[in-house]
Amino acid sequence: MALKESGEMYLESIYVLLNEKGIVRSIDVAEKMGFSKPSVSRAIGILKNNELISVSREGYITLTEVGLVKAKQIFERHTVVSNVLIALGVPKEIADDDACRIEHIISEETFLAIKKYLNGQK
């Protein structure tokens, strides 16, 4: 299933928030991403319809097994790309911002080549 960039951003934010806080609600996602509650509500509905998340009656968001796998992949891309940029001398804040954009468009082949290169460097 192909997820649009915005859906990937929401999924990654939910993943990060779950790791930071343990529990996540739509309001937490809205605050983290700086988006309006209606925008987040729409995105949450799309992620839920795609069976990437589930939402309890109390409004707590959890990742499904498929959602967790996808979120981990997106987060790994972000982390690896950000670390490469930082290693190249890019300031952390800029590296994080750039990685956030790059992670959604980089091909799987290029990403795997970067990981292979980095693993050979260690």
PDB file of N, CA and C in Angstrom:
ATOM      1  N   MET A   1       0.842  -1.171   0.000  1.00  0.00           N
ATOM      2  CA  MET A   1       0.000   0.000   0.000  1.00  0.00           C
ATOM      3  C   MET A   1       0.894   1.243   0.000  1.00  0.00           C
ATOM      4  N   ALA A   2       0.672   2.087  -0.967  1.00  0.00           N
ATOM      5  CA  ALA A   2       1.445   3.322  -1.046  1.00  0.00           C
ATOM      6  C   ALA A   2       0.767   4.384  -0.187  1.00  0.00           C
ATOM      7  N   LEU A   3       1.557   4.976   0.671  1.00  0.00           N
ATOM      8  CA  LEU A   3       1.057   6.013   1.568  1.00  0.00           C
ATOM      9  C   LEU A   3       1.632   7.338   1.093  1.00  0.00           C
ATOM     10  N   LYS A   4       0.806   8.361   1.038  1.00  0.00           N
ATOM     11  CA  LYS A   4       1.285   9.676   0.626  1.00  0.00           C
ATOM     12  C   LYS A   4       2.235  10.232   1.678  1.00  0.00           C
ATOM     13  N   GLU A   5       3.009  11.227   1.264  1.00  0.00           N
ATOM     14  CA  GLU A   5       3.989  11.833   2.169  1.00  0.00           C
ATOM     15  C   GLU A   5       3.348  12.315   3.465  1.00  0.00           C
ATOM     16  N   SER A   6       2.193  12.968   3.359  1.00  0.00           N
ATOM     17  CA  SER A   6       1.546  13.484   4.574  1.00  0.00           C
ATOM     18  C   SER A   6       1.143  12.341   5.502  1.00  0.00           C
ATOM     19  N   GLY A   7       0.664  11.239   4.922  1.00  0.00           N
ATOM     20  CA  GLY A   7       0.307  10.082   5.750  1.00  0.00           C
ATOM     21  C   GLY A   7       1.521   9.500   6.444  1.00  0.00           C
ATOM     22  N   GLU A   8       2.652   9.471   5.732  1.00  0.00           N
ATOM     23  CA  GLU A   8       3.890   8.992   6.336  1.00  0.00           C
ATOM     24  C   GLU A   8       4.322   9.894   7.482  1.00  0.00           C
ATOM     25  N   MET A   9       4.148  11.197   7.309  1.00  0.00           N
ATOM     26  CA  MET A   9       4.527  12.140   8.364  1.00  0.00           C
ATOM     27  C   MET A   9       3.681  11.921   9.616  1.00  0.00           C
ATOM     28  N   TYR A  10       2.390  11.718   9.427  1.00  0.00           N
ATOM     29  CA  TYR A  10       1.508  11.456  10.568  1.00  0.00           C
ATOM     30  C   TYR A  10       1.891  10.149  11.250  1.00  0.00           C
ATOM     31  N   LEU A  11       2.132   9.117  10.459  1.00  0.00           N
ATOM     32  CA  LEU A  11       2.486   7.814  11.015  1.00  0.00           C
ATOM     33  C   LEU A  11       3.780   7.899  11.812  1.00  0.00           C
ATOM     34  N   GLU A  12       4.768   8.594  11.271  1.00  0.00           N
ATOM     35  CA  GLU A  12       6.040   8.764  11.975  1.00  0.00           C
ATOM     36  C   GLU A  12       5.852   9.553  13.274  1.00  0.00           C
ATOM     37  N   SER A  13       5.038  10.587  13.228  1.00  0.00           N
ATOM     38  CA  SER A  13       4.785  11.391  14.431  1.00  0.00           C
ATOM     39  C   SER A  13       4.112  10.558  15.511  1.00  0.00           C
ATOM     40  N   ILE A  14       3.156   9.731  15.118  1.00  0.00           N
ATOM     41  CA  ILE A  14       2.488   8.855  16.088  1.00  0.00           C
ATOM     42  C   ILE A  14       3.507   7.896  16.696  1.00  0.00           C
ATOM     43  N   TYR A  15       4.365   7.334  15.864  1.00  0.00           N
ATOM     44  CA  TYR A  15       5.399   6.407  16.334  1.00  0.00           C
ATOM     45  C   TYR A  15       6.318   7.089  17.347  1.00  0.00           C
ATOM     46  N   VAL A  16       6.785   8.279  17.012  1.00  0.00           N
ATOM     47  CA  VAL A  16       7.682   9.022  17.909  1.00  0.00           C
ATOM     48  C   VAL A  16       6.972   9.349  19.219  1.00  0.00           C
ATOM     49  N   LEU A  17       5.745   9.812  19.128  1.00  0.00           N
ATOM     50  CA  LEU A  17       4.987  10.154  20.337  1.00  0.00           C
ATOM     51  C   LEU A  17       4.742   8.929  21.219  1.00  0.00           C
ATOM     52  N   LEU A  18       4.425   7.800  20.600  1.00  0.00           N
ATOM     53  CA  LEU A  18       4.226   6.574  21.377  1.00  0.00           C
ATOM     54  C   LEU A  18       5.503   6.205  22.118  1.00  0.00           C
ATOM     55  N   ASN A  19       6.644   6.368  21.463  1.00  0.00           N
ATOM     56  CA  ASN A  19       7.923   6.062  22.113  1.00  0.00           C
ATOM     57  C   ASN A  19       8.264   7.061  23.214  1.00  0.00           C
ATOM     58  N   GLU A  20       7.869   8.311  23.035  1.00  0.00           N
ATOM     59  CA  GLU A  20       8.156   9.346  24.029  1.00  0.00           C
ATOM     60  C   GLU A  20       7.197   9.289  25.216  1.00  0.00           C
ATOM     61  N   LYS A  21       5.907   9.137  24.927  1.00  0.00           N
ATOM     62  CA  LYS A  21       4.881   9.288  25.955  1.00  0.00           C
ATOM     63  C   LYS A  21       4.185   7.998  26.360  1.00  0.00           C
ATOM     64  N   GLY A  22       4.210   7.006  25.483  1.00  0.00           N
ATOM     65  CA  GLY A  22       3.521   5.753  25.775  1.00  0.00           C
ATOM     66  C   GLY A  22       2.074   5.740  25.330  1.00  0.00           C
ATOM     67  N   ILE A  23       1.423   6.902  25.352  1.00  0.00           N
ATOM     68  CA  ILE A  23       0.043   7.015  24.884  1.00  0.00           C
ATOM     69  C   ILE A  23      -0.070   8.236  23.982  1.00  0.00           C
ATOM     70  N   VAL A  24      -0.976   8.145  23.006  1.00  0.00           N
ATOM     71  CA  VAL A  24      -1.122   9.238  22.037  1.00  0.00           C
ATOM     72  C   VAL A  24      -2.589   9.463  21.739  1.00  0.00           C
ATOM     73  N   ARG A  25      -2.942  10.734  21.696  1.00  0.00           N
ATOM     74  CA  ARG A  25      -4.282  11.147  21.259  1.00  0.00           C
ATOM     75  C   ARG A  25      -4.117  12.098  20.078  1.00  0.00           C
ATOM     76  N   SER A  26      -5.183  12.366  19.389  1.00  0.00           N
ATOM     77  CA  SER A  26      -5.133  13.269  18.235  1.00  0.00           C
ATOM     78  C   SER A  26      -4.571  14.634  18.612  1.00  0.00           C
ATOM     79  N   ILE A  27      -4.912  15.129  19.788  1.00  0.00           N
ATOM     80  CA  ILE A  27      -4.433  16.443  20.230  1.00  0.00           C
ATOM     81  C   ILE A  27      -2.907  16.456  20.343  1.00  0.00           C
ATOM     82  N   ASP A  28      -2.324  15.326  20.768  1.00  0.00           N
ATOM     83  CA  ASP A  28      -0.870  15.227  20.866  1.00  0.00           C
ATOM     84  C   ASP A  28      -0.230  15.327  19.483  1.00  0.00           C
ATOM     85  N   VAL A  29      -0.852  14.668  18.514  1.00  0.00           N
ATOM     86  CA  VAL A  29      -0.353  14.697  17.141  1.00  0.00           C
ATOM     87  C   VAL A  29      -0.463  16.120  16.585  1.00  0.00           C
ATOM     88  N   ALA A  30      -1.594  16.773  16.846  1.00  0.00           N
ATOM     89  CA  ALA A  30      -1.793  18.145  16.367  1.00  0.00           C
ATOM     90  C   ALA A  30      -0.740  19.078  16.945  1.00  0.00           C
ATOM     91  N   GLU A  31      -0.466  18.943  18.230  1.00  0.00           N
ATOM     92  CA  GLU A  31       0.536  19.806  18.877  1.00  0.00           C
ATOM     93  C   GLU A  31       1.935  19.538  18.344  1.00  0.00           C
ATOM     94  N   LYS A  32       2.291  18.273  18.167  1.00  0.00           N
ATOM     95  CA  LYS A  32       3.630  17.923  17.685  1.00  0.00           C
ATOM     96  C   LYS A  32       3.853  18.431  16.265  1.00  0.00           C
ATOM     97  N   MET A  33       2.841  18.287  15.424  1.00  0.00           N
ATOM     98  CA  MET A  33       3.007  18.624  14.018  1.00  0.00           C
ATOM     99  C   MET A  33       2.643  20.074  13.698  1.00  0.00           C
ATOM    100  N   GLY A  34       1.965  20.727  14.641  1.00  0.00           N
ATOM    101  CA  GLY A  34       1.557  22.105  14.410  1.00  0.00           C
ATOM    102  C   GLY A  34       0.407  22.225  13.426  1.00  0.00           C
ATOM    103  N   PHE A  35      -0.427  21.190  13.367  1.00  0.00           N
ATOM    104  CA  PHE A  35      -1.568  21.188  12.458  1.00  0.00           C
ATOM    105  C   PHE A  35      -2.854  21.379  13.244  1.00  0.00           C
ATOM    106  N   SER A  36      -3.917  21.771  12.539  1.00  0.00           N
ATOM    107  CA  SER A  36      -5.205  21.971  13.180  1.00  0.00           C
ATOM    108  C   SER A  36      -5.834  20.629  13.548  1.00  0.00           C
ATOM    109  N   LYS A  37      -6.722  20.664  14.534  1.00  0.00           N
ATOM    110  CA  LYS A  37      -7.410  19.450  14.965  1.00  0.00           C
ATOM    111  C   LYS A  37      -8.211  18.819  13.827  1.00  0.00           C
ATOM    112  N   PRO A  38      -8.930  19.627  13.004  1.00  0.00           N
ATOM    113  CA  PRO A  38      -9.668  19.009  11.890  1.00  0.00           C
ATOM    114  C   PRO A  38      -8.753  18.309  10.876  1.00  0.00           C
ATOM    115  N   SER A  39      -7.581  18.886  10.599  1.00  0.00           N
ATOM    116  CA  SER A  39      -6.633  18.252   9.674  1.00  0.00           C
ATOM    117  C   SER A  39      -6.142  16.928  10.233  1.00  0.00           C
ATOM    118  N   VAL A  40      -5.829  16.928  11.522  1.00  0.00           N
ATOM    119  CA  VAL A  40      -5.342  15.710  12.170  1.00  0.00           C
ATOM    120  C   VAL A  40      -6.459  14.672  12.201  1.00  0.00           C
ATOM    121  N   SER A  41      -7.655  15.095  12.496  1.00  0.00           N
ATOM    122  CA  SER A  41      -8.793  14.181  12.554  1.00  0.00           C
ATOM    123  C   SER A  41      -8.999  13.487  11.209  1.00  0.00           C
ATOM    124  N   ARG A  42      -8.882  14.242  10.132  1.00  0.00           N
ATOM    125  CA  ARG A  42      -9.034  13.675   8.784  1.00  0.00           C
ATOM    126  C   ARG A  42      -7.930  12.650   8.526  1.00  0.00           C
ATOM    127  N   ALA A  43      -6.690  13.017   8.847  1.00  0.00           N
ATOM    128  CA  ALA A  43      -5.554  12.120   8.621  1.00  0.00           C
ATOM    129  C   ALA A  43      -5.676  10.855   9.459  1.00  0.00           C
ATOM    130  N   ILE A  44      -6.122  11.004  10.705  1.00  0.00           N
ATOM    131  CA  ILE A  44      -6.299   9.847  11.589  1.00  0.00           C
ATOM    132  C   ILE A  44      -7.337   8.900  10.974  1.00  0.00           C
ATOM    133  N   GLY A  45      -8.390   9.470  10.423  1.00  0.00           N
ATOM    134  CA  GLY A  45      -9.423   8.653   9.765  1.00  0.00           C
ATOM    135  C   GLY A  45      -8.865   7.873   8.587  1.00  0.00           C
ATOM    136  N   ILE A  46      -8.014   8.513   7.805  1.00  0.00           N
ATOM    137  CA  ILE A  46      -7.408   7.845   6.650  1.00  0.00           C
ATOM    138  C   ILE A  46      -6.482   6.719   7.112  1.00  0.00           C
ATOM    139  N   LEU A  47      -5.651   6.996   8.110  1.00  0.00           N
ATOM    140  CA  LEU A  47      -4.742   5.965   8.630  1.00  0.00           C
ATOM    141  C   LEU A  47      -5.531   4.796   9.208  1.00  0.00           C
ATOM    142  N   LYS A  48      -6.637   5.104   9.864  1.00  0.00           N
ATOM    143  CA  LYS A  48      -7.488   4.064  10.450  1.00  0.00           C
ATOM    144  C   LYS A  48      -8.134   3.227   9.344  1.00  0.00           C
ATOM    145  N   ASN A  49      -8.641   3.892   8.303  1.00  0.00           N
ATOM    146  CA  ASN A  49      -9.257   3.171   7.188  1.00  0.00           C
ATOM    147  C   ASN A  49      -8.248   2.282   6.455  1.00  0.00           C
ATOM    148  N   ASN A  50      -6.986   2.699   6.453  1.00  0.00           N
ATOM    149  CA  ASN A  50      -5.930   1.902   5.832  1.00  0.00           C
ATOM    150  C   ASN A  50      -5.368   0.848   6.786  1.00  0.00           C
ATOM    151  N   GLU A  51      -5.984   0.731   7.959  1.00  0.00           N
ATOM    152  CA  GLU A  51      -5.618  -0.263   8.972  1.00  0.00           C
ATOM    153  C   GLU A  51      -4.171  -0.134   9.434  1.00  0.00           C
ATOM    154  N   LEU A  52      -3.687   1.107   9.514  1.00  0.00           N
ATOM    155  CA  LEU A  52      -2.344   1.373  10.017  1.00  0.00           C
ATOM    156  C   LEU A  52      -2.370   1.751  11.492  1.00  0.00           C
ATOM    157  N   ILE A  53      -3.513   2.232  11.952  1.00  0.00           N
ATOM    158  CA  ILE A  53      -3.697   2.581  13.361  1.00  0.00           C
ATOM    159  C   ILE A  53      -5.069   2.105  13.813  1.00  0.00           C
ATOM    160  N   SER A  54      -5.229   2.060  15.122  1.00  0.00           N
ATOM    161  CA  SER A  54      -6.558   1.864  15.699  1.00  0.00           C
ATOM    162  C   SER A  54      -6.743   2.956  16.748  1.00  0.00           C
ATOM    163  N   VAL A  55      -7.991   3.305  16.974  1.00  0.00           N
ATOM    164  CA  VAL A  55      -8.316   4.349  17.939  1.00  0.00           C
ATOM    165  C   VAL A  55      -9.350   3.796  18.911  1.00  0.00           C
ATOM    166  N   SER A  56      -9.017   3.854  20.197  1.00  0.00           N
ATOM    167  CA  SER A  56      -9.933   3.338  21.213  1.00  0.00           C
ATOM    168  C   SER A  56     -11.115   4.285  21.383  1.00  0.00           C
ATOM    169  N   ARG A  57     -12.129   3.820  22.088  1.00  0.00           N
ATOM    170  CA  ARG A  57     -13.293   4.674  22.369  1.00  0.00           C
ATOM    171  C   ARG A  57     -12.892   5.923  23.142  1.00  0.00           C
ATOM    172  N   GLU A  58     -11.817   5.798  23.919  1.00  0.00           N
ATOM    173  CA  GLU A  58     -11.327   6.936  24.712  1.00  0.00           C
ATOM    174  C   GLU A  58     -10.467   7.887  23.872  1.00  0.00           C
ATOM    175  N   GLY A  59     -10.180   7.507  22.624  1.00  0.00           N
ATOM    176  CA  GLY A  59      -9.419   8.374  21.738  1.00  0.00           C
ATOM    177  C   GLY A  59      -7.919   8.108  21.704  1.00  0.00           C
ATOM    178  N   TYR A  60      -7.500   6.987  22.285  1.00  0.00           N
ATOM    179  CA  TYR A  60      -6.073   6.666  22.276  1.00  0.00           C
ATOM    180  C   TYR A  60      -5.703   5.944  20.978  1.00  0.00           C
ATOM    181  N   ILE A  61      -4.616   6.396  20.391  1.00  0.00           N
ATOM    182  CA  ILE A  61      -4.171   5.881  19.101  1.00  0.00           C
ATOM    183  C   ILE A  61      -3.070   4.847  19.324  1.00  0.00           C
ATOM    184  N   THR A  62      -3.197   3.713  18.657  1.00  0.00           N
ATOM    185  CA  THR A  62      -2.138   2.711  18.661  1.00  0.00           C
ATOM    186  C   THR A  62      -1.863   2.306  17.222  1.00  0.00           C
ATOM    187  N   LEU A  63      -0.650   1.854  16.977  1.00  0.00           N
ATOM    188  CA  LEU A  63      -0.274   1.375  15.652  1.00  0.00           C
ATOM    189  C   LEU A  63      -0.655  -0.096  15.521  1.00  0.00           C
ATOM    190  N   THR A  64      -1.193  -0.466  14.377  1.00  0.00           N
ATOM    191  CA  THR A  64      -1.429  -1.879  14.100  1.00  0.00           C
ATOM    192  C   THR A  64      -0.075  -2.510  13.777  1.00  0.00           C
ATOM    193  N   GLU A  65      -0.039  -3.819  13.610  1.00  0.00           N
ATOM    194  CA  GLU A  65       1.224  -4.480  13.256  1.00  0.00           C
ATOM    195  C   GLU A  65       1.777  -3.905  11.953  1.00  0.00           C
ATOM    196  N   VAL A  66       0.918  -3.759  10.964  1.00  0.00           N
ATOM    197  CA  VAL A  66       1.338  -3.204   9.670  1.00  0.00           C
ATOM    198  C   VAL A  66       1.775  -1.754   9.843  1.00  0.00           C
ATOM    199  N   GLY A  67       1.041  -0.998  10.625  1.00  0.00           N
ATOM    200  CA  GLY A  67       1.376   0.398  10.876  1.00  0.00           C
ATOM    201  C   GLY A  67       2.711   0.548  11.585  1.00  0.00           C
ATOM    202  N   LEU A  68       2.976  -0.335  12.525  1.00  0.00           N
ATOM    203  CA  LEU A  68       4.236  -0.292  13.258  1.00  0.00           C
ATOM    204  C   LEU A  68       5.417  -0.570  12.328  1.00  0.00           C
ATOM    205  N   VAL A  69       5.275  -1.560  11.468  1.00  0.00           N
ATOM    206  CA  VAL A  69       6.345  -1.878  10.511  1.00  0.00           C
ATOM    207  C   VAL A  69       6.612  -0.674   9.609  1.00  0.00           C
ATOM    208  N   LYS A  70       5.547  -0.089   9.075  1.00  0.00           N
ATOM    209  CA  LYS A  70       5.691   1.071   8.177  1.00  0.00           C
ATOM    210  C   LYS A  70       6.297   2.258   8.925  1.00  0.00           C
ATOM    211  N   ALA A  71       5.835   2.515  10.131  1.00  0.00           N
ATOM    212  CA  ALA A  71       6.339   3.643  10.920  1.00  0.00           C
ATOM    213  C   ALA A  71       7.827   3.469  11.229  1.00  0.00           C
ATOM    214  N   LYS A  72       8.224   2.247  11.560  1.00  0.00           N
ATOM    215  CA  LYS A  72       9.639   1.980  11.840  1.00  0.00           C
ATOM    216  C   LYS A  72      10.492   2.217  10.599  1.00  0.00           C
ATOM    217  N   GLN A  73       9.979   1.827   9.439  1.00  0.00           N
ATOM    218  CA  GLN A  73      10.709   2.049   8.188  1.00  0.00           C
ATOM    219  C   GLN A  73      10.900   3.543   7.924  1.00  0.00           C
ATOM    220  N   ILE A  74       9.849   4.296   8.102  1.00  0.00           N
ATOM    221  CA  ILE A  74       9.904   5.741   7.868  1.00  0.00           C
ATOM    222  C   ILE A  74      10.871   6.384   8.860  1.00  0.00           C
ATOM    223  N   PHE A  75      10.767   5.994  10.124  1.00  0.00           N
ATOM    224  CA  PHE A  75      11.638   6.556  11.160  1.00  0.00           C
ATOM    225  C   PHE A  75      13.099   6.199  10.902  1.00  0.00           C
ATOM    226  N   GLU A  76      13.352   4.976  10.450  1.00  0.00           N
ATOM    227  CA  GLU A  76      14.722   4.573  10.142  1.00  0.00           C
ATOM    228  C   GLU A  76      15.289   5.419   9.005  1.00  0.00           C
ATOM    229  N   ARG A  77      14.495   5.642   7.978  1.00  0.00           N
ATOM    230  CA  ARG A  77      14.938   6.487   6.866  1.00  0.00           C
ATOM    231  C   ARG A  77      15.302   7.877   7.375  1.00  0.00           C
ATOM    232  N   HIS A  78      14.435   8.428   8.202  1.00  0.00           N
ATOM    233  CA  HIS A  78      14.678   9.763   8.752  1.00  0.00           C
ATOM    234  C   HIS A  78      15.982   9.779   9.547  1.00  0.00           C
ATOM    235  N   THR A  79      16.141   8.816  10.413  1.00  0.00           N
ATOM    236  CA  THR A  79      17.315   8.765  11.285  1.00  0.00           C
ATOM    237  C   THR A  79      18.603   8.608  10.485  1.00  0.00           C
ATOM    238  N   VAL A  80      18.599   7.681   9.535  1.00  0.00           N
ATOM    239  CA  VAL A  80      19.804   7.439   8.736  1.00  0.00           C
ATOM    240  C   VAL A  80      20.159   8.667   7.902  1.00  0.00           C
ATOM    241  N   VAL A  81      19.174   9.226   7.211  1.00  0.00           N
ATOM    242  CA  VAL A  81      19.442  10.402   6.371  1.00  0.00           C
ATOM    243  C   VAL A  81      19.913  11.574   7.227  1.00  0.00           C
ATOM    244  N   SER A  82      19.263  11.794   8.357  1.00  0.00           N
ATOM    245  CA  SER A  82      19.655  12.877   9.255  1.00  0.00           C
ATOM    246  C   SER A  82      21.085  12.687   9.741  1.00  0.00           C
ATOM    247  N   ASN A  83      21.425  11.468  10.142  1.00  0.00           N
ATOM    248  CA  ASN A  83      22.780  11.193  10.627  1.00  0.00           C
ATOM    249  C   ASN A  83      23.834  11.399   9.550  1.00  0.00           C
ATOM    250  N   VAL A  84      23.519  11.032   8.322  1.00  0.00           N
ATOM    251  CA  VAL A  84      24.454  11.253   7.208  1.00  0.00           C
ATOM    252  C   VAL A  84      24.689  12.756   7.023  1.00  0.00           C
ATOM    253  N   LEU A  85      23.615  13.505   7.029  1.00  0.00           N
ATOM    254  CA  LEU A  85      23.741  14.952   6.836  1.00  0.00           C
ATOM    255  C   LEU A  85      24.534  15.594   7.976  1.00  0.00           C
ATOM    256  N   ILE A  86      24.292  15.167   9.194  1.00  0.00           N
ATOM    257  CA  ILE A  86      25.034  15.682  10.350  1.00  0.00           C
ATOM    258  C   ILE A  86      26.514  15.333  10.212  1.00  0.00           C
ATOM    259  N   ALA A  87      26.797  14.093   9.777  1.00  0.00           N
ATOM    260  CA  ALA A  87      28.193  13.664   9.589  1.00  0.00           C
ATOM    261  C   ALA A  87      28.893  14.490   8.512  1.00  0.00           C
ATOM    262  N   LEU A  88      28.111  14.999   7.573  1.00  0.00           N
ATOM    263  CA  LEU A  88      28.665  15.839   6.507  1.00  0.00           C
ATOM    264  C   LEU A  88      28.852  17.291   6.944  1.00  0.00           C
ATOM    265  N   GLY A  89      28.435  17.588   8.184  1.00  0.00           N
ATOM    266  CA  GLY A  89      28.626  18.924   8.718  1.00  0.00           C
ATOM    267  C   GLY A  89      27.398  19.814   8.711  1.00  0.00           C
ATOM    268  N   VAL A  90      26.262  19.257   8.358  1.00  0.00           N
ATOM    269  CA  VAL A  90      25.016  20.038   8.364  1.00  0.00           C
ATOM    270  C   VAL A  90      24.557  20.162   9.818  1.00  0.00           C
ATOM    271  N   PRO A  91      24.180  21.359  10.256  1.00  0.00           N
ATOM    272  CA  PRO A  91      23.667  21.513  11.625  1.00  0.00           C
ATOM    273  C   PRO A  91      22.458  20.605  11.859  1.00  0.00           C
ATOM    274  N   LYS A  92      22.345  20.082  13.090  1.00  0.00           N
ATOM    275  CA  LYS A  92      21.311  19.099  13.434  1.00  0.00           C
ATOM    276  C   LYS A  92      19.905  19.540  13.042  1.00  0.00           C
ATOM    277  N   GLU A  93      19.531  20.758  13.362  1.00  0.00           N
ATOM    278  CA  GLU A  93      18.170  21.216  13.072  1.00  0.00           C
ATOM    279  C   GLU A  93      17.885  21.204  11.569  1.00  0.00           C
ATOM    280  N   ILE A  94      18.847  21.670  10.788  1.00  0.00           N
ATOM    281  CA  ILE A  94      18.685  21.677   9.330  1.00  0.00           C
ATOM    282  C   ILE A  94      18.683  20.239   8.802  1.00  0.00           C
ATOM    283  N   ALA A  95      19.574  19.402   9.337  1.00  0.00           N
ATOM    284  CA  ALA A  95      19.631  17.997   8.916  1.00  0.00           C
ATOM    285  C   ALA A  95      18.298  17.302   9.179  1.00  0.00           C
ATOM    286  N   ASP A  96      17.693  17.550  10.337  1.00  0.00           N
ATOM    287  CA  ASP A  96      16.398  16.952  10.656  1.00  0.00           C
ATOM    288  C   ASP A  96      15.308  17.434   9.700  1.00  0.00           C
ATOM    289  N   ASP A  97      15.291  18.732   9.425  1.00  0.00           N
ATOM    290  CA  ASP A  97      14.296  19.279   8.492  1.00  0.00           C
ATOM    291  C   ASP A  97      14.470  18.692   7.093  1.00  0.00           C
ATOM    292  N   ASP A  98      15.720  18.642   6.624  1.00  0.00           N
ATOM    293  CA  ASP A  98      15.978  18.095   5.291  1.00  0.00           C
ATOM    294  C   ASP A  98      15.664  16.608   5.237  1.00  0.00           C
ATOM    295  N   ALA A  99      16.038  15.881   6.279  1.00  0.00           N
ATOM    296  CA  ALA A  99      15.764  14.441   6.325  1.00  0.00           C
ATOM    297  C   ALA A  99      14.266  14.176   6.269  1.00  0.00           C
ATOM    298  N   CYS A 100      13.496  15.042   6.874  1.00  0.00           N
ATOM    299  CA  CYS A 100      12.044  14.896   6.885  1.00  0.00           C
ATOM    300  C   CYS A 100      11.478  14.951   5.462  1.00  0.00           C
ATOM    301  N   ARG A 101      12.099  15.737   4.618  1.00  0.00           N
ATOM    302  CA  ARG A 101      11.645  15.812   3.228  1.00  0.00           C
ATOM    303  C   ARG A 101      12.237  14.672   2.394  1.00  0.00           C
ATOM    304  N   ILE A 102      13.519  14.405   2.576  1.00  0.00           N
ATOM    305  CA  ILE A 102      14.213  13.391   1.781  1.00  0.00           C
ATOM    306  C   ILE A 102      13.653  11.996   2.032  1.00  0.00           C
ATOM    307  N   GLU A 103      13.317  11.689   3.274  1.00  0.00           N
ATOM    308  CA  GLU A 103      12.886  10.336   3.638  1.00  0.00           C
ATOM    309  C   GLU A 103      11.675   9.866   2.849  1.00  0.00           C
ATOM    310  N   HIS A 104      10.883  10.792   2.328  1.00  0.00           N
ATOM    311  CA  HIS A 104       9.658  10.430   1.618  1.00  0.00           C
ATOM    312  C   HIS A 104       9.875  10.218   0.124  1.00  0.00           C
ATOM    313  N   ILE A 105      10.995  10.699  -0.403  1.00  0.00           N
ATOM    314  CA  ILE A 105      11.195  10.615  -1.847  1.00  0.00           C
ATOM    315  C   ILE A 105      12.361   9.722  -2.254  1.00  0.00           C
ATOM    316  N   ILE A 106      13.234   9.384  -1.314  1.00  0.00           N
ATOM    317  CA  ILE A 106      14.400   8.580  -1.635  1.00  0.00           C
ATOM    318  C   ILE A 106      13.955   7.162  -2.030  1.00  0.00           C
ATOM    319  N   SER A 107      14.573   6.622  -3.070  1.00  0.00           N
ATOM    320  CA  SER A 107      14.218   5.271  -3.499  1.00  0.00           C
ATOM    321  C   SER A 107      14.752   4.247  -2.496  1.00  0.00           C
ATOM    322  N   GLU A 108      14.149   3.084  -2.522  1.00  0.00           N
ATOM    323  CA  GLU A 108      14.593   2.010  -1.641  1.00  0.00           C
ATOM    324  C   GLU A 108      16.033   1.617  -1.976  1.00  0.00           C
ATOM    325  N   GLU A 109      16.369   1.589  -3.270  1.00  0.00           N
ATOM    326  CA  GLU A 109      17.719   1.222  -3.693  1.00  0.00           C
ATOM    327  C   GLU A 109      18.756   2.198  -3.155  1.00  0.00           C
ATOM    328  N   THR A 110      18.468   3.487  -3.260  1.00  0.00           N
ATOM    329  CA  THR A 110      19.405   4.495  -2.765  1.00  0.00           C
ATOM    330  C   THR A 110      19.539   4.407  -1.251  1.00  0.00           C
ATOM    331  N   PHE A 111      18.419   4.245  -0.564  1.00  0.00           N
ATOM    332  CA  PHE A 111      18.468   4.145   0.889  1.00  0.00           C
ATOM    333  C   PHE A 111      19.293   2.943   1.331  1.00  0.00           C
ATOM    334  N   LEU A 112      19.071   1.791   0.698  1.00  0.00           N
ATOM    335  CA  LEU A 112      19.833   0.599   1.053  1.00  0.00           C
ATOM    336  C   LEU A 112      21.322   0.773   0.756  1.00  0.00           C
ATOM    337  N   ALA A 113      21.641   1.471  -0.337  1.00  0.00           N
ATOM    338  CA  ALA A 113      23.046   1.732  -0.663  1.00  0.00           C
ATOM    339  C   ALA A 113      23.689   2.623   0.393  1.00  0.00           C
ATOM    340  N   ILE A 114      22.966   3.620   0.875  1.00  0.00           N
ATOM    341  CA  ILE A 114      23.479   4.501   1.934  1.00  0.00           C
ATOM    342  C   ILE A 114      23.716   3.701   3.208  1.00  0.00           C
ATOM    343  N   LYS A 115      22.749   2.862   3.577  1.00  0.00           N
ATOM    344  CA  LYS A 115      22.911   2.027   4.780  1.00  0.00           C
ATOM    345  C   LYS A 115      24.108   1.094   4.641  1.00  0.00           C
ATOM    346  N   LYS A 116      24.257   0.489   3.470  1.00  0.00           N
ATOM    347  CA  LYS A 116      25.379  -0.430   3.233  1.00  0.00           C
ATOM    348  C   LYS A 116      26.700   0.326   3.351  1.00  0.00           C
ATOM    349  N   TYR A 117      26.746   1.513   2.768  1.00  0.00           N
ATOM    350  CA  TYR A 117      27.954   2.336   2.834  1.00  0.00           C
ATOM    351  C   TYR A 117      28.284   2.692   4.283  1.00  0.00           C
ATOM    352  N   LEU A 118      27.275   3.119   5.032  1.00  0.00           N
ATOM    353  CA  LEU A 118      27.492   3.483   6.429  1.00  0.00           C
ATOM    354  C   LEU A 118      27.951   2.290   7.255  1.00  0.00           C
ATOM    355  N   ASN A 119      27.373   1.143   7.021  1.00  0.00           N
ATOM    356  CA  ASN A 119      27.772  -0.049   7.775  1.00  0.00           C
ATOM    357  C   ASN A 119      29.211  -0.449   7.450  1.00  0.00           C
ATOM    358  N   GLY A 120      29.664  -0.177   6.242  1.00  0.00           N
ATOM    359  CA  GLY A 120      31.041  -0.458   5.867  1.00  0.00           C
ATOM    360  C   GLY A 120      32.005   0.516   6.467  1.00  0.00           C
ATOM    361  N   GLN A 121      31.518   1.686   6.853  1.00  0.00           N
ATOM    362  CA  GLN A 121      32.349   2.737   7.431  1.00  0.00           C
ATOM    363  C   GLN A 121      32.610   2.533   8.923  1.00  0.00           C
ATOM    364  N   LYS A 122      31.792   1.722   9.552  1.00  0.00           N
ATOM    365  CA  LYS A 122      31.871   1.556  11.008  1.00  0.00           C
ATOM    366  C   LYS A 122      32.891   0.519  11.386  1.00  0.00           C
TER     367      LYS A 122
END
